[in-house]
Every structure is written in structure tokens, then in C-alpha cells.
């Protein structure tokens, strides 16, 4: 067994356009439990937002379509030992 961390942050870290783009990914058909690709970042729907995996920030450069804010949150979480970040609409800023 491997134990990892989960960072919990507000969706307020993201721009409205980026949050809308990620939310739109979950509107299509498919299994909501399976990760969907957001410019190389695995994301999974959550009732209050979404989860994003930090694997992309390990070896890759930031894709041009991904905001600096999202990339920084994922990078910070990964440096602190988190594999996932929960972007939660109910999390206080």
C-alpha cells in the first residue's frame, strides 16, 4: 500500500473560463469515475468541483492552454507529496 496526500483548495484559484472549460468536460457521455484529459492533466468529477492529478507537473512543461494558477496549485501540491488536488466550490478562500 502507498499512502499519498490530497490537497483541498477552493475553485476560486481558477479563472472562470478555465473552470467552465473543465466543468464542460463532464457534460458528455462516459463514466464519471474515470479520469478525463484536460490538456494532459487527468481530472475526475466531484459533486462540489473536481479532482486533478499532479502527475503532469513532474516531468512536463506547462501546456499553453493551462493557466499559470492551475499549474502552480498542482506544482505546489506535488512538492508537498500530494497526488491529487480537490478543487472544491465549498472550500473557503
N, C-alpha and C. Protein backbone atom coordinates (compact mmCIF):
# COMPACT_ATOMS: atom_id res chain seq x y z
N UNK A 1 0.85 -1.17 0.00
CA UNK A 1 0.00 0.00 0.00
C UNK A 1 0.90 1.23 0.00
N UNK A 2 0.43 2.23 -0.72
CA UNK A 2 1.12 3.51 -0.77
C UNK A 2 0.17 4.57 -0.25
N UNK A 3 0.64 5.40 0.66
CA UNK A 3 -0.19 6.47 1.21
C UNK A 3 0.27 7.78 0.59
N UNK A 4 -0.69 8.55 0.08
CA UNK A 4 -0.38 9.82 -0.56
C UNK A 4 -1.24 10.92 0.06
N UNK A 5 -0.97 12.13 -0.36
CA UNK A 5 -1.72 13.27 0.15
C UNK A 5 -2.76 13.76 -0.84
N UNK A 6 -3.72 14.49 -0.30
CA UNK A 6 -4.75 15.14 -1.09
C UNK A 6 -4.80 16.60 -0.66
N UNK A 7 -4.59 17.49 -1.58
CA UNK A 7 -4.73 18.92 -1.30
C UNK A 7 -6.17 19.33 -1.57
N UNK A 8 -6.72 20.16 -0.71
CA UNK A 8 -8.09 20.63 -0.87
C UNK A 8 -8.04 22.15 -0.97
N UNK A 9 -8.42 22.68 -2.13
CA UNK A 9 -8.37 24.12 -2.36
C UNK A 9 -9.70 24.59 -2.96
N UNK A 10 -9.92 25.87 -2.89
CA UNK A 10 -11.12 26.45 -3.48
C UNK A 10 -10.99 26.55 -5.00
N UNK A 11 -12.12 26.45 -5.67
CA UNK A 11 -12.12 26.66 -7.12
C UNK A 11 -11.84 28.12 -7.45
N UNK A 12 -11.86 28.98 -6.44
CA UNK A 12 -11.56 30.39 -6.64
C UNK A 12 -10.14 30.66 -7.12
N UNK A 13 -9.27 29.64 -7.05
CA UNK A 13 -7.91 29.78 -7.57
C UNK A 13 -7.89 29.81 -9.10
N UNK A 14 -8.98 29.37 -9.72
CA UNK A 14 -9.02 29.26 -11.17
C UNK A 14 -9.81 30.41 -11.78
N UNK A 15 -9.50 30.71 -13.03
CA UNK A 15 -10.29 31.71 -13.74
C UNK A 15 -11.66 31.10 -14.06
N UNK A 16 -12.63 31.96 -14.23
CA UNK A 16 -13.97 31.48 -14.58
C UNK A 16 -13.98 30.69 -15.88
N UNK A 17 -13.19 31.14 -16.86
CA UNK A 17 -13.14 30.46 -18.16
C UNK A 17 -12.54 29.06 -18.02
N UNK A 18 -11.49 28.93 -17.23
CA UNK A 18 -10.86 27.62 -17.08
C UNK A 18 -11.77 26.67 -16.30
N UNK A 19 -12.40 27.17 -15.27
CA UNK A 19 -13.34 26.34 -14.50
C UNK A 19 -14.49 25.88 -15.39
N UNK A 20 -15.01 26.77 -16.21
CA UNK A 20 -16.10 26.41 -17.13
C UNK A 20 -15.64 25.37 -18.14
N UNK A 21 -14.41 25.50 -18.64
CA UNK A 21 -13.88 24.52 -19.61
C UNK A 21 -13.76 23.14 -18.98
N UNK A 22 -13.30 23.09 -17.74
CA UNK A 22 -13.16 21.80 -17.06
C UNK A 22 -14.55 21.23 -16.76
N UNK A 23 -15.45 22.05 -16.24
CA UNK A 23 -16.81 21.58 -15.97
C UNK A 23 -17.48 21.03 -17.22
N UNK A 24 -17.23 21.66 -18.37
CA UNK A 24 -17.85 21.23 -19.62
C UNK A 24 -17.40 19.82 -20.02
N UNK A 25 -16.21 19.42 -19.59
CA UNK A 25 -15.73 18.07 -19.90
C UNK A 25 -16.63 17.00 -19.32
N UNK A 26 -17.26 17.30 -18.20
CA UNK A 26 -18.08 16.31 -17.50
C UNK A 26 -19.51 16.25 -18.03
N UNK A 27 -19.86 17.12 -18.98
CA UNK A 27 -21.21 17.13 -19.53
C UNK A 27 -21.44 16.04 -20.57
N UNK A 28 -20.38 15.47 -21.10
CA UNK A 28 -20.51 14.47 -22.15
C UNK A 28 -20.79 13.08 -21.59
N UNK A 29 -20.95 12.12 -22.50
CA UNK A 29 -21.19 10.74 -22.07
C UNK A 29 -19.92 10.14 -21.47
N UNK A 30 -20.09 9.07 -20.77
CA UNK A 30 -18.94 8.38 -20.21
C UNK A 30 -19.10 8.12 -18.72
N UNK A 31 -18.17 7.39 -18.19
CA UNK A 31 -18.17 7.01 -16.79
C UNK A 31 -17.56 8.16 -15.97
N UNK A 32 -18.33 8.80 -15.09
CA UNK A 32 -17.80 9.94 -14.34
C UNK A 32 -16.71 9.56 -13.35
N UNK A 33 -16.52 8.26 -13.13
CA UNK A 33 -15.46 7.83 -12.22
C UNK A 33 -14.11 7.71 -12.91
N UNK A 34 -14.10 7.77 -14.22
CA UNK A 34 -12.85 7.66 -14.97
C UNK A 34 -12.28 9.05 -15.25
N UNK A 35 -10.96 9.19 -15.12
CA UNK A 35 -10.36 10.49 -15.41
C UNK A 35 -10.56 10.91 -16.86
N UNK A 36 -10.77 12.20 -17.04
CA UNK A 36 -10.88 12.82 -18.35
C UNK A 36 -9.64 13.68 -18.53
N UNK A 37 -9.14 13.76 -19.73
CA UNK A 37 -7.93 14.52 -20.02
C UNK A 37 -8.23 16.00 -20.22
N UNK A 38 -7.60 16.85 -19.42
CA UNK A 38 -7.67 18.29 -19.62
C UNK A 38 -6.26 18.77 -19.98
N UNK A 39 -5.96 18.81 -21.25
CA UNK A 39 -4.64 19.21 -21.76
C UNK A 39 -3.52 18.42 -21.08
N UNK A 40 -3.74 17.11 -20.91
CA UNK A 40 -2.73 16.24 -20.31
C UNK A 40 -2.89 16.02 -18.82
N UNK A 41 -3.76 16.76 -18.18
CA UNK A 41 -3.98 16.63 -16.74
C UNK A 41 -5.21 15.76 -16.51
N UNK A 42 -5.07 14.62 -15.83
CA UNK A 42 -6.24 13.80 -15.53
C UNK A 42 -7.15 14.52 -14.52
N UNK A 43 -8.43 14.66 -14.84
CA UNK A 43 -9.41 15.27 -13.94
C UNK A 43 -10.60 14.33 -13.78
N UNK A 44 -11.19 14.35 -12.59
CA UNK A 44 -12.33 13.49 -12.26
C UNK A 44 -13.41 14.37 -11.63
N UNK A 45 -14.65 14.17 -12.03
CA UNK A 45 -15.76 14.94 -11.48
C UNK A 45 -15.93 14.65 -9.99
N UNK A 46 -16.37 15.68 -9.26
CA UNK A 46 -16.67 15.60 -7.84
C UNK A 46 -17.93 16.43 -7.62
N UNK A 47 -18.80 16.05 -6.69
CA UNK A 47 -20.05 16.80 -6.50
C UNK A 47 -19.86 18.30 -6.26
N UNK A 48 -18.73 18.69 -5.68
CA UNK A 48 -18.51 20.11 -5.38
C UNK A 48 -17.41 20.72 -6.23
N UNK A 49 -17.02 20.07 -7.30
CA UNK A 49 -15.95 20.58 -8.15
C UNK A 49 -15.32 19.45 -8.94
N UNK A 50 -13.99 19.29 -8.77
CA UNK A 50 -13.31 18.21 -9.48
C UNK A 50 -11.97 17.92 -8.81
N UNK A 51 -11.45 16.73 -9.10
CA UNK A 51 -10.12 16.33 -8.67
C UNK A 51 -9.19 16.40 -9.86
N UNK A 52 -7.96 16.87 -9.63
CA UNK A 52 -6.95 16.91 -10.68
C UNK A 52 -5.70 16.19 -10.17
N UNK A 53 -5.11 15.36 -11.02
CA UNK A 53 -3.91 14.61 -10.65
C UNK A 53 -2.68 15.47 -10.90
N UNK A 54 -1.67 15.32 -10.04
CA UNK A 54 -0.46 16.13 -10.14
C UNK A 54 0.62 15.53 -11.02
N UNK A 55 0.38 14.37 -11.62
CA UNK A 55 1.42 13.66 -12.37
C UNK A 55 2.02 14.49 -13.51
N UNK A 56 1.24 15.34 -14.11
CA UNK A 56 1.69 16.11 -15.27
C UNK A 56 2.83 17.06 -14.93
N UNK A 57 2.83 17.60 -13.71
CA UNK A 57 3.82 18.62 -13.37
C UNK A 57 5.20 18.03 -13.08
N UNK A 58 5.30 16.73 -12.95
CA UNK A 58 6.58 16.10 -12.60
C UNK A 58 7.64 16.29 -13.68
N UNK A 59 7.28 15.94 -14.90
CA UNK A 59 8.28 15.90 -15.97
C UNK A 59 7.96 16.80 -17.16
N UNK A 60 6.82 17.43 -17.16
CA UNK A 60 6.38 18.15 -18.34
C UNK A 60 6.37 19.66 -18.12
N UNK A 61 6.43 20.37 -19.22
CA UNK A 61 6.26 21.82 -19.17
C UNK A 61 4.77 22.12 -19.19
N UNK A 62 4.41 23.28 -18.68
CA UNK A 62 3.01 23.68 -18.63
C UNK A 62 2.46 23.81 -20.05
N UNK A 63 1.36 23.10 -20.35
CA UNK A 63 0.72 23.30 -21.65
C UNK A 63 0.22 24.74 -21.76
N UNK A 64 0.27 25.29 -22.94
CA UNK A 64 -0.15 26.67 -23.15
C UNK A 64 -1.59 26.94 -22.78
N UNK A 65 -2.45 25.93 -22.86
CA UNK A 65 -3.87 26.10 -22.58
C UNK A 65 -4.18 26.09 -21.09
N UNK A 66 -3.23 25.69 -20.27
CA UNK A 66 -3.43 25.58 -18.82
C UNK A 66 -2.97 26.87 -18.16
N UNK A 67 -3.78 27.40 -17.26
CA UNK A 67 -3.44 28.67 -16.60
C UNK A 67 -2.24 28.50 -15.67
N UNK A 68 -1.55 29.59 -15.47
CA UNK A 68 -0.44 29.61 -14.51
C UNK A 68 -0.96 29.26 -13.12
N UNK A 69 -2.15 29.73 -12.79
CA UNK A 69 -2.73 29.48 -11.46
C UNK A 69 -2.96 27.99 -11.23
N UNK A 70 -3.56 27.29 -12.20
CA UNK A 70 -3.79 25.85 -12.06
C UNK A 70 -2.46 25.11 -11.96
N UNK A 71 -1.52 25.46 -12.82
CA UNK A 71 -0.22 24.79 -12.82
C UNK A 71 0.50 24.99 -11.48
N UNK A 72 0.41 26.18 -10.92
CA UNK A 72 1.07 26.47 -9.65
C UNK A 72 0.44 25.68 -8.51
N UNK A 73 -0.88 25.58 -8.49
CA UNK A 73 -1.55 24.78 -7.45
C UNK A 73 -1.11 23.32 -7.55
N UNK A 74 -1.11 22.77 -8.77
CA UNK A 74 -0.70 21.38 -8.94
C UNK A 74 0.77 21.18 -8.57
N UNK A 75 1.62 22.11 -8.95
CA UNK A 75 3.05 22.02 -8.63
C UNK A 75 3.29 22.08 -7.13
N UNK A 76 2.63 23.00 -6.47
CA UNK A 76 2.78 23.13 -5.02
C UNK A 76 2.30 21.88 -4.31
N UNK A 77 1.16 21.36 -4.72
CA UNK A 77 0.63 20.14 -4.12
C UNK A 77 1.58 18.97 -4.33
N UNK A 78 2.11 18.83 -5.54
CA UNK A 78 3.03 17.72 -5.83
C UNK A 78 4.28 17.82 -4.97
N UNK A 79 4.82 19.02 -4.81
CA UNK A 79 6.02 19.20 -3.98
C UNK A 79 5.76 18.84 -2.52
N UNK A 80 4.51 18.92 -2.10
CA UNK A 80 4.15 18.59 -0.72
C UNK A 80 3.69 17.14 -0.58
N UNK A 81 3.85 16.35 -1.63
CA UNK A 81 3.54 14.92 -1.55
C UNK A 81 2.13 14.52 -1.93
N UNK A 82 1.40 15.43 -2.55
CA UNK A 82 0.02 15.12 -2.94
C UNK A 82 -0.04 14.60 -4.38
N UNK A 83 -0.81 13.56 -4.57
CA UNK A 83 -1.06 13.04 -5.92
C UNK A 83 -2.29 13.68 -6.54
N UNK A 84 -3.23 14.12 -5.71
CA UNK A 84 -4.48 14.69 -6.19
C UNK A 84 -4.75 16.03 -5.52
N UNK A 85 -5.45 16.90 -6.24
CA UNK A 85 -5.94 18.16 -5.69
C UNK A 85 -7.44 18.19 -5.90
N UNK A 86 -8.17 18.43 -4.82
CA UNK A 86 -9.62 18.61 -4.91
C UNK A 86 -9.89 20.10 -5.02
N UNK A 87 -10.42 20.51 -6.16
CA UNK A 87 -10.86 21.89 -6.35
C UNK A 87 -12.33 21.91 -5.95
N UNK A 88 -12.60 22.52 -4.80
CA UNK A 88 -13.91 22.42 -4.14
C UNK A 88 -14.59 23.79 -4.09
N UNK A 89 -15.80 23.87 -4.65
CA UNK A 89 -16.55 25.13 -4.64
C UNK A 89 -16.92 25.57 -3.22
N UNK A 90 -17.00 24.63 -2.29
CA UNK A 90 -17.40 24.93 -0.92
C UNK A 90 -16.22 25.24 0.00
N UNK A 91 -15.01 25.10 -0.50
CA UNK A 91 -13.81 25.36 0.32
C UNK A 91 -13.64 26.87 0.49
N UNK A 92 -13.45 27.34 1.71
CA UNK A 92 -13.22 28.79 1.88
C UNK A 92 -11.91 29.23 1.25
N UNK A 93 -11.88 30.48 0.85
CA UNK A 93 -10.66 31.02 0.21
C UNK A 93 -9.63 31.37 1.24
